[in-house]
Amino acid sequence: MLVKGRKIAGRGEAVTAHYAFGPLEDDIIIKHRLLTRTTTTRGEPPLKKLQKKFTSFAVESEKDADNYSDCERLAKTFLQELTTFELPLLKSKAVIDANLREKENFNELKDEINRQIMQAQADIEDLKKQLEESKIERQHKEECEAIRRLISMQPPRSETHKIITELEKEIAMLEAENTAGSRTLELRKKQFALLLHVVDELQNTIEEEQKTLVEETRLALDEQKNGFEDVRGGLEAMAVD
């Protein structure tokens, strides 16, 4: 795969990085390098070099000629290459073991952190409840303090009792005055009713007397008229004679 060029941005522009391989291809390449002990993309892989050394030793050992020294030399070379190839493997195994232990420690630390987080969340909830309870308790204390201030502003109980006693006496006096006033009013009502009855009787008496007086006056006038007529008749009779 071709490596894309890197774009150099001008002033005020963002720099966009372009990579030769994607994340999946990078994982494959890294895995292949670990298996073949290839640290760079250049040079011959160690496994291939080891294979060549072993092949040279095997080919040389299968010859019928007297080549013991060459076989010994090739065997030493192969063993040296094998040792060289084995050392990184041991290092890699040690690194893997260390990584596994680190992973276990990380998992334990992660579990501990999660436990602490859950404990912290539980503590936060408890603190929230305590805060709400403290707010309610403080509100109750403030209300009690306000009531206490109102009570302290009021006069003492003895003075209040004295005032109440005086008010009860005044109420009793007012009730007595009210009772007396009611009795007086009732008496005045009866007297006024009696007065009206007397006035009514007096008026009836006056009307009867007026009627009697008118009747007597009429009778007197009639008698006087009859007397005048009698006198007039006598005078006329005398004049005829």
C-alpha atoms as a PDB file:
ATOM      1  CA  MET A   1       0.000   0.000   0.000  1.00  0.00           C
ATOM      2  CA  LEU A   2       1.320   3.422  -0.922  1.00  0.00           C
ATOM      3  CA  VAL A   3       1.951   5.977   1.756  1.00  0.00           C
ATOM      4  CA  LYS A   4      -0.085   9.098   1.271  1.00  0.00           C
ATOM      5  CA  GLY A   5       1.702  12.381   1.467  1.00  0.00           C
ATOM      6  CA  ARG A   6       1.328  14.647   4.460  1.00  0.00           C
ATOM      7  CA  LYS A   7      -0.515  17.893   3.762  1.00  0.00           C
ATOM      8  CA  ILE A   8       1.207  20.964   5.150  1.00  0.00           C
ATOM      9  CA  ALA A   9      -1.387  23.543   6.082  1.00  0.00           C
ATOM     10  CA  GLY A  10      -0.825  27.202   5.745  1.00  0.00           C
ATOM     11  CA  ARG A  11      -1.065  29.681   8.561  1.00  0.00           C
ATOM     12  CA  GLY A  12      -4.438  29.468  10.292  1.00  0.00           C
ATOM     13  CA  GLU A  13      -5.255  26.040   8.760  1.00  0.00           C
ATOM     14  CA  ALA A  14      -5.390  22.723  10.596  1.00  0.00           C
ATOM     15  CA  VAL A  15      -2.780  20.046   9.842  1.00  0.00           C
ATOM     16  CA  THR A  16      -4.376  16.793   8.610  1.00  0.00           C
ATOM     17  CA  ALA A  17      -2.281  13.650   9.232  1.00  0.00           C
ATOM     18  CA  HIS A  18      -2.469  10.782   6.727  1.00  0.00           C
ATOM     19  CA  TYR A  19      -1.209   7.328   7.745  1.00  0.00           C
ATOM     20  CA  ALA A  20       0.012   4.490   5.537  1.00  0.00           C
ATOM     21  CA  PHE A  21      -2.109   1.810   7.238  1.00  0.00           C
ATOM     22  CA  GLY A  22      -5.393   1.648   9.019  1.00  0.00           C
ATOM     23  CA  PRO A  23      -5.825   0.426  12.633  1.00  0.00           C
ATOM     24  CA  LEU A  24      -6.734  -3.129  11.539  1.00  0.00           C
ATOM     25  CA  GLU A  25      -3.738  -3.386   9.188  1.00  0.00           C
ATOM     26  CA  ASP A  26      -1.475  -2.028  11.944  1.00  0.00           C
ATOM     27  CA  ASP A  27      -2.606  -4.828  14.295  1.00  0.00           C
ATOM     28  CA  ILE A  28      -1.883  -7.466  11.629  1.00  0.00           C
ATOM     29  CA  ILE A  29       1.596  -6.051  10.935  1.00  0.00           C
ATOM     30  CA  ILE A  30       2.456  -5.833  14.645  1.00  0.00           C
ATOM     31  CA  LYS A  31       1.300  -9.427  15.206  1.00  0.00           C
ATOM     32  CA  HIS A  32       3.366 -10.647  12.248  1.00  0.00           C
ATOM     33  CA  ARG A  33       6.453  -8.811  13.509  1.00  0.00           C
ATOM     34  CA  LEU A  34       6.091 -10.308  16.990  1.00  0.00           C
ATOM     35  CA  LEU A  35       5.758 -13.818  15.567  1.00  0.00           C
ATOM     36  CA  THR A  36       8.698 -13.452  13.178  1.00  0.00           C
ATOM     37  CA  ARG A  37      10.769 -11.239  15.538  1.00  0.00           C
ATOM     38  CA  THR A  38      10.924  -8.588  12.834  1.00  0.00           C
ATOM     39  CA  THR A  39      11.413  -5.202  14.438  1.00  0.00           C
ATOM     40  CA  THR A  40      11.645  -3.170  11.250  1.00  0.00           C
ATOM     41  CA  THR A  41      10.374  -3.489   7.755  1.00  0.00           C
ATOM     42  CA  ARG A  42      13.970  -3.541   6.455  1.00  0.00           C
ATOM     43  CA  GLY A  43      16.463  -6.405   6.618  1.00  0.00           C
ATOM     44  CA  GLU A  44      15.982 -10.144   6.802  1.00  0.00           C
ATOM     45  CA  PRO A  45      13.641 -11.525   9.486  1.00  0.00           C
ATOM     46  CA  PRO A  46      15.393 -13.440  12.310  1.00  0.00           C
ATOM     47  CA  LEU A  47      13.243 -16.529  11.761  1.00  0.00           C
ATOM     48  CA  LYS A  48      14.225 -16.661   8.109  1.00  0.00           C
ATOM     49  CA  LYS A  49      17.903 -16.271   9.015  1.00  0.00           C
ATOM     50  CA  LEU A  50      17.552 -19.112  11.520  1.00  0.00           C
ATOM     51  CA  GLN A  51      15.902 -21.233   8.855  1.00  0.00           C
ATOM     52  CA  LYS A  52      18.770 -20.578   6.462  1.00  0.00           C
ATOM     53  CA  LYS A  53      21.354 -21.524   9.084  1.00  0.00           C
ATOM     54  CA  PHE A  54      19.510 -24.750   9.853  1.00  0.00           C
ATOM     55  CA  THR A  55      19.115 -25.543   6.161  1.00  0.00           C
ATOM     56  CA  SER A  56      22.849 -24.976   5.545  1.00  0.00           C
ATOM     57  CA  PHE A  57      23.711 -27.222   8.485  1.00  0.00           C
ATOM     58  CA  ALA A  58      21.282 -29.934   7.326  1.00  0.00           C
ATOM     59  CA  VAL A  59      22.539 -29.850   3.730  1.00  0.00           C
ATOM     60  CA  GLU A  60      26.167 -29.978   4.840  1.00  0.00           C
ATOM     61  CA  SER A  61      25.516 -32.853   7.242  1.00  0.00           C
ATOM     62  CA  GLU A  62      23.864 -34.948   4.500  1.00  0.00           C
ATOM     63  CA  LYS A  63      27.001 -34.835   2.293  1.00  0.00           C
ATOM     64  CA  ASP A  64      29.165 -37.946   2.150  1.00  0.00           C
ATOM     65  CA  ALA A  65      32.404 -36.002   2.092  1.00  0.00           C
ATOM     66  CA  ASP A  66      34.650 -35.575   5.107  1.00  0.00           C
ATOM     67  CA  ASN A  67      33.214 -32.247   6.220  1.00  0.00           C
ATOM     68  CA  TYR A  68      33.068 -32.642   9.973  1.00  0.00           C
ATOM     69  CA  SER A  69      34.706 -29.278  10.612  1.00  0.00           C
ATOM     70  CA  ASP A  70      32.243 -27.521   8.302  1.00  0.00           C
ATOM     71  CA  CYS A  71      29.323 -29.266   9.975  1.00  0.00           C
ATOM     72  CA  GLU A  72      30.667 -28.305  13.397  1.00  0.00           C
ATOM     73  CA  ARG A  73      31.088 -24.725  12.273  1.00  0.00           C
ATOM     74  CA  LEU A  74      27.599 -24.614  10.781  1.00  0.00           C
ATOM     75  CA  ALA A  75      26.165 -26.239  13.928  1.00  0.00           C
ATOM     76  CA  LYS A  76      27.799 -23.632  16.141  1.00  0.00           C
ATOM     77  CA  THR A  77      26.547 -20.906  13.840  1.00  0.00           C
ATOM     78  CA  PHE A  78      23.005 -22.368  13.971  1.00  0.00           C
ATOM     79  CA  LEU A  79      23.170 -22.693  17.770  1.00  0.00           C
ATOM     80  CA  GLN A  80      24.385 -19.114  18.086  1.00  0.00           C
ATOM     81  CA  GLU A  81      21.590 -17.937  15.807  1.00  0.00           C
ATOM     82  CA  LEU A  82      19.102 -20.042  17.784  1.00  0.00           C
ATOM     83  CA  THR A  83      20.364 -18.500  21.024  1.00  0.00           C
ATOM     84  CA  THR A  84      20.120 -15.046  19.459  1.00  0.00           C
ATOM     85  CA  PHE A  85      16.576 -15.852  18.328  1.00  0.00           C
ATOM     86  CA  GLU A  86      15.649 -17.339  21.737  1.00  0.00           C
ATOM     87  CA  LEU A  87      16.742 -14.348  23.831  1.00  0.00           C
ATOM     88  CA  PRO A  88      14.126 -11.944  22.402  1.00  0.00           C
ATOM     89  CA  LEU A  89      11.537 -14.690  22.842  1.00  0.00           C
ATOM     90  CA  LEU A  90      12.443 -14.984  26.519  1.00  0.00           C
ATOM     91  CA  LYS A  91      12.334 -11.215  26.809  1.00  0.00           C
ATOM     92  CA  SER A  92       8.956 -11.171  25.087  1.00  0.00           C
ATOM     93  CA  LYS A  93       7.716 -13.912  27.444  1.00  0.00           C
ATOM     94  CA  ALA A  94       8.930 -11.896  30.423  1.00  0.00           C
ATOM     95  CA  VAL A  95       7.226  -8.803  29.020  1.00  0.00           C
ATOM     96  CA  ILE A  96       4.033 -10.804  28.417  1.00  0.00           C
ATOM     97  CA  ASP A  97       4.125 -12.196  31.955  1.00  0.00           C
ATOM     98  CA  ALA A  98       4.723  -8.694  33.299  1.00  0.00           C
ATOM     99  CA  ASN A  99       1.881  -7.374  31.161  1.00  0.00           C
ATOM    100  CA  LEU A 100      -0.388 -10.153  32.433  1.00  0.00           C
ATOM    101  CA  ARG A 101       0.532  -9.322  36.009  1.00  0.00           C
ATOM    102  CA  GLU A 102       0.035  -5.649  35.242  1.00  0.00           C
ATOM    103  CA  LYS A 103      -3.309  -6.482  33.673  1.00  0.00           C
ATOM    104  CA  GLU A 104      -4.332  -8.422  36.789  1.00  0.00           C
ATOM    105  CA  ASN A 105      -3.189  -5.537  38.955  1.00  0.00           C
ATOM    106  CA  PHE A 106      -5.072  -3.161  36.685  1.00  0.00           C
ATOM    107  CA  ASN A 107      -8.222  -5.299  36.919  1.00  0.00           C
ATOM    108  CA  GLU A 108      -7.889  -5.409  40.697  1.00  0.00           C
ATOM    109  CA  LEU A 109      -7.298  -1.663  40.752  1.00  0.00           C
ATOM    110  CA  LYS A 110     -10.258  -1.189  38.428  1.00  0.00           C
ATOM    111  CA  ASP A 111     -12.470  -3.311  40.695  1.00  0.00           C
ATOM    112  CA  GLU A 112     -11.230  -1.365  43.700  1.00  0.00           C
ATOM    113  CA  ILE A 113     -11.888   1.952  41.942  1.00  0.00           C
ATOM    114  CA  ASN A 114     -15.363   0.769  40.943  1.00  0.00           C
ATOM    115  CA  ARG A 115     -15.991  -0.315  44.532  1.00  0.00           C
ATOM    116  CA  GLN A 116     -14.767   3.052  45.772  1.00  0.00           C
ATOM    117  CA  ILE A 117     -16.951   4.821  43.179  1.00  0.00           C
ATOM    118  CA  MET A 118     -20.003   2.855  44.322  1.00  0.00           C
ATOM    119  CA  GLN A 119     -19.103   3.554  47.936  1.00  0.00           C
ATOM    120  CA  ALA A 120     -18.623   7.245  47.092  1.00  0.00           C
ATOM    121  CA  GLN A 121     -22.013   7.307  45.344  1.00  0.00           C
ATOM    122  CA  ALA A 122     -23.619   5.657  48.363  1.00  0.00           C
ATOM    123  CA  ASP A 123     -21.848   8.164  50.627  1.00  0.00           C
ATOM    124  CA  ILE A 124     -23.060  11.012  48.406  1.00  0.00           C
ATOM    125  CA  GLU A 125     -26.641   9.753  48.667  1.00  0.00           C
ATOM    126  CA  ASP A 126     -26.293   9.474  52.439  1.00  0.00           C
ATOM    127  CA  LEU A 127     -24.824  12.977  52.583  1.00  0.00           C
ATOM    128  CA  LYS A 128     -27.699  14.278  50.452  1.00  0.00           C
ATOM    129  CA  LYS A 129     -30.175  12.734  52.884  1.00  0.00           C
ATOM    130  CA  GLN A 130     -28.247  14.171  55.820  1.00  0.00           C
ATOM    131  CA  LEU A 131     -28.211  17.556  54.084  1.00  0.00           C
ATOM    132  CA  GLU A 132     -31.978  17.467  53.580  1.00  0.00           C
ATOM    133  CA  GLU A 133     -32.464  16.419  57.207  1.00  0.00           C
ATOM    134  CA  SER A 134     -30.111  19.206  58.304  1.00  0.00           C
ATOM    135  CA  LYS A 135     -32.073  21.732  56.224  1.00  0.00           C
ATOM    136  CA  ILE A 136     -35.353  20.576  57.794  1.00  0.00           C
ATOM    137  CA  GLU A 137     -33.817  20.637  61.272  1.00  0.00           C
ATOM    138  CA  ARG A 138     -32.407  24.111  60.660  1.00  0.00           C
ATOM    139  CA  GLN A 139     -35.798  25.299  59.433  1.00  0.00           C
ATOM    140  CA  HIS A 140     -37.420  23.909  62.582  1.00  0.00           C
ATOM    141  CA  LYS A 141     -34.814  25.637  64.720  1.00  0.00           C
ATOM    142  CA  GLU A 142     -35.412  28.940  62.927  1.00  0.00           C
ATOM    143  CA  GLU A 143     -39.171  28.558  63.428  1.00  0.00           C
ATOM    144  CA  CYS A 144     -38.647  27.740  67.109  1.00  0.00           C
ATOM    145  CA  GLU A 145     -36.350  30.753  67.446  1.00  0.00           C
ATOM    146  CA  ALA A 146     -38.972  33.004  65.814  1.00  0.00           C
ATOM    147  CA  ILE A 147     -41.642  31.646  68.183  1.00  0.00           C
ATOM    148  CA  ARG A 148     -39.296  32.147  71.137  1.00  0.00           C
ATOM    149  CA  ARG A 149     -38.719  35.763  70.106  1.00  0.00           C
ATOM    150  CA  LEU A 150     -42.457  36.354  69.826  1.00  0.00           C
ATOM    151  CA  ILE A 151     -42.965  34.804  73.247  1.00  0.00           C
ATOM    152  CA  SER A 152     -40.161  36.895  74.728  1.00  0.00           C
ATOM    153  CA  MET A 153     -41.824  40.035  73.350  1.00  0.00           C
ATOM    154  CA  GLN A 154     -45.029  39.203  75.232  1.00  0.00           C
ATOM    155  CA  PRO A 155     -45.547  40.412  78.850  1.00  0.00           C
ATOM    156  CA  PRO A 156     -45.011  38.031  81.779  1.00  0.00           C
ATOM    157  CA  ARG A 157     -47.699  35.534  82.700  1.00  0.00           C
ATOM    158  CA  SER A 158     -48.471  37.263  85.985  1.00  0.00           C
ATOM    159  CA  GLU A 159     -49.100  40.540  84.214  1.00  0.00           C
ATOM    160  CA  THR A 160     -51.156  38.788  81.553  1.00  0.00           C
ATOM    161  CA  HIS A 161     -53.181  37.055  84.278  1.00  0.00           C
ATOM    162  CA  LYS A 162     -53.716  40.406  85.989  1.00  0.00           C
ATOM    163  CA  ILE A 163     -54.896  41.969  82.723  1.00  0.00           C
ATOM    164  CA  ILE A 164     -57.219  39.026  82.120  1.00  0.00           C
ATOM    165  CA  THR A 165     -58.650  39.397  85.638  1.00  0.00           C
ATOM    166  CA  GLU A 166     -59.249  43.106  85.084  1.00  0.00           C
ATOM    167  CA  LEU A 167     -60.862  42.400  81.731  1.00  0.00           C
ATOM    168  CA  GLU A 168     -63.109  39.783  83.348  1.00  0.00           C
ATOM    169  CA  LYS A 169     -64.145  42.339  85.972  1.00  0.00           C
ATOM    170  CA  GLU A 170     -64.880  44.917  83.289  1.00  0.00           C
ATOM    171  CA  ILE A 171     -66.861  42.303  81.348  1.00  0.00           C
ATOM    172  CA  ALA A 172     -68.861  41.467  84.521  1.00  0.00           C
ATOM    173  CA  MET A 173     -69.529  45.166  85.128  1.00  0.00           C
ATOM    174  CA  LEU A 174     -70.588  45.637  81.525  1.00  0.00           C
ATOM    175  CA  GLU A 175     -72.841  42.593  81.757  1.00  0.00           C
ATOM    176  CA  ALA A 176     -74.368  43.998  84.975  1.00  0.00           C
ATOM    177  CA  GLU A 177     -74.858  47.383  83.320  1.00  0.00           C
ATOM    178  CA  ASN A 178     -76.325  45.636  80.320  1.00  0.00           C
ATOM    179  CA  THR A 179     -78.722  43.716  82.578  1.00  0.00           C
ATOM    180  CA  ALA A 180     -79.699  46.882  84.412  1.00  0.00           C
ATOM    181  CA  GLY A 181     -80.129  48.709  81.132  1.00  0.00           C
ATOM    182  CA  SER A 182     -82.268  45.877  79.815  1.00  0.00           C
ATOM    183  CA  ARG A 183     -84.440  46.002  82.921  1.00  0.00           C
ATOM    184  CA  THR A 184     -84.721  49.783  82.704  1.00  0.00           C
ATOM    185  CA  LEU A 185     -85.584  49.530  79.031  1.00  0.00           C
ATOM    186  CA  GLU A 186     -88.208  46.917  79.777  1.00  0.00           C
ATOM    187  CA  LEU A 187     -89.636  49.117  82.505  1.00  0.00           C
ATOM    188  CA  ARG A 188     -89.658  52.119  80.148  1.00  0.00           C
ATOM    189  CA  LYS A 189     -91.431  49.998  77.566  1.00  0.00           C
ATOM    190  CA  LYS A 190     -94.101  49.041  80.063  1.00  0.00           C
ATOM    191  CA  GLN A 191     -94.439  52.637  81.235  1.00  0.00           C
ATOM    192  CA  PHE A 192     -94.650  53.869  77.679  1.00  0.00           C
ATOM    193  CA  ALA A 193     -97.277  51.233  76.889  1.00  0.00           C
ATOM    194  CA  LEU A 194     -99.214  52.298  79.955  1.00  0.00           C
ATOM    195  CA  LEU A 195     -98.865  55.922  78.916  1.00  0.00           C
ATOM    196  CA  LEU A 196    -100.153  55.129  75.470  1.00  0.00           C
ATOM    197  CA  HIS A 197    -103.059  53.275  77.032  1.00  0.00           C
ATOM    198  CA  VAL A 198    -103.803  56.248  79.309  1.00  0.00           C
ATOM    199  CA  VAL A 199    -103.537  58.654  76.377  1.00  0.00           C
ATOM    200  CA  ASP A 200    -105.858  56.435  74.389  1.00  0.00           C
ATOM    201  CA  GLU A 201    -108.347  56.309  77.259  1.00  0.00           C
ATOM    202  CA  LEU A 202    -108.022  60.068  77.742  1.00  0.00           C
ATOM    203  CA  GLN A 203    -108.577  60.657  74.060  1.00  0.00           C
ATOM    204  CA  ASN A 204    -111.636  58.444  74.136  1.00  0.00           C
ATOM    205  CA  THR A 205    -112.888  60.304  77.198  1.00  0.00           C
ATOM    206  CA  ILE A 206    -112.266  63.662  75.477  1.00  0.00           C
ATOM    207  CA  GLU A 207    -114.085  62.517  72.397  1.00  0.00           C
ATOM    208  CA  GLU A 208    -117.035  61.298  74.492  1.00  0.00           C
ATOM    209  CA  GLU A 209    -117.066  64.582  76.398  1.00  0.00           C
ATOM    210  CA  GLN A 210    -116.893  66.548  73.155  1.00  0.00           C
ATOM    211  CA  LYS A 211    -119.764  64.539  71.757  1.00  0.00           C
ATOM    212  CA  THR A 212    -121.733  65.107  74.965  1.00  0.00           C
ATOM    213  CA  LEU A 213    -120.918  68.819  74.888  1.00  0.00           C
ATOM    214  CA  VAL A 214    -121.969  69.102  71.268  1.00  0.00           C
ATOM    215  CA  GLU A 215    -125.166  67.269  72.029  1.00  0.00           C
ATOM    216  CA  GLU A 216    -125.875  69.470  75.024  1.00  0.00           C
ATOM    217  CA  THR A 217    -125.082  72.547  72.973  1.00  0.00           C
ATOM    218  CA  ARG A 218    -127.411  71.401  70.261  1.00  0.00           C
ATOM    219  CA  LEU A 219    -130.152  70.702  72.787  1.00  0.00           C
ATOM    220  CA  ALA A 220    -129.580  74.095  74.377  1.00  0.00           C
ATOM    221  CA  LEU A 221    -129.774  75.758  71.006  1.00  0.00           C
ATOM    222  CA  ASP A 222    -132.901  73.867  70.214  1.00  0.00           C
ATOM    223  CA  GLU A 223    -134.478  74.868  73.511  1.00  0.00           C
ATOM    224  CA  GLN A 224    -133.361  78.448  72.958  1.00  0.00           C
ATOM    225  CA  LYS A 225    -134.795  78.375  69.496  1.00  0.00           C
ATOM    226  CA  ASN A 226    -138.085  76.991  70.760  1.00  0.00           C
ATOM    227  CA  GLY A 227    -138.131  79.663  73.448  1.00  0.00           C
ATOM    228  CA  PHE A 228    -137.575  82.362  70.836  1.00  0.00           C
ATOM    229  CA  GLU A 229    -140.345  80.951  68.757  1.00  0.00           C
ATOM    230  CA  ASP A 230    -142.666  80.864  71.776  1.00  0.00           C
ATOM    231  CA  VAL A 231    -141.809  84.448  72.604  1.00  0.00           C
ATOM    232  CA  ARG A 232    -142.267  85.511  69.045  1.00  0.00           C
ATOM    233  CA  GLY A 233    -145.632  83.768  68.877  1.00  0.00           C
ATOM    234  CA  GLY A 234    -146.757  85.513  72.083  1.00  0.00           C
ATOM    235  CA  LEU A 235    -145.662  88.857  70.734  1.00  0.00           C
ATOM    236  CA  GLU A 236    -147.530  88.261  67.549  1.00  0.00           C
ATOM    237  CA  ALA A 237    -150.603  87.212  69.484  1.00  0.00           C
ATOM    238  CA  MET A 238    -150.350  90.323  71.556  1.00  0.00           C
ATOM    239  CA  ALA A 239    -150.007  92.449  68.515  1.00  0.00           C
ATOM    240  CA  VAL A 240    -153.167  90.912  66.997  1.00  0.00           C
ATOM    241  CA  ASP A 241    -155.083  91.606  70.136  1.00  0.00           C
END
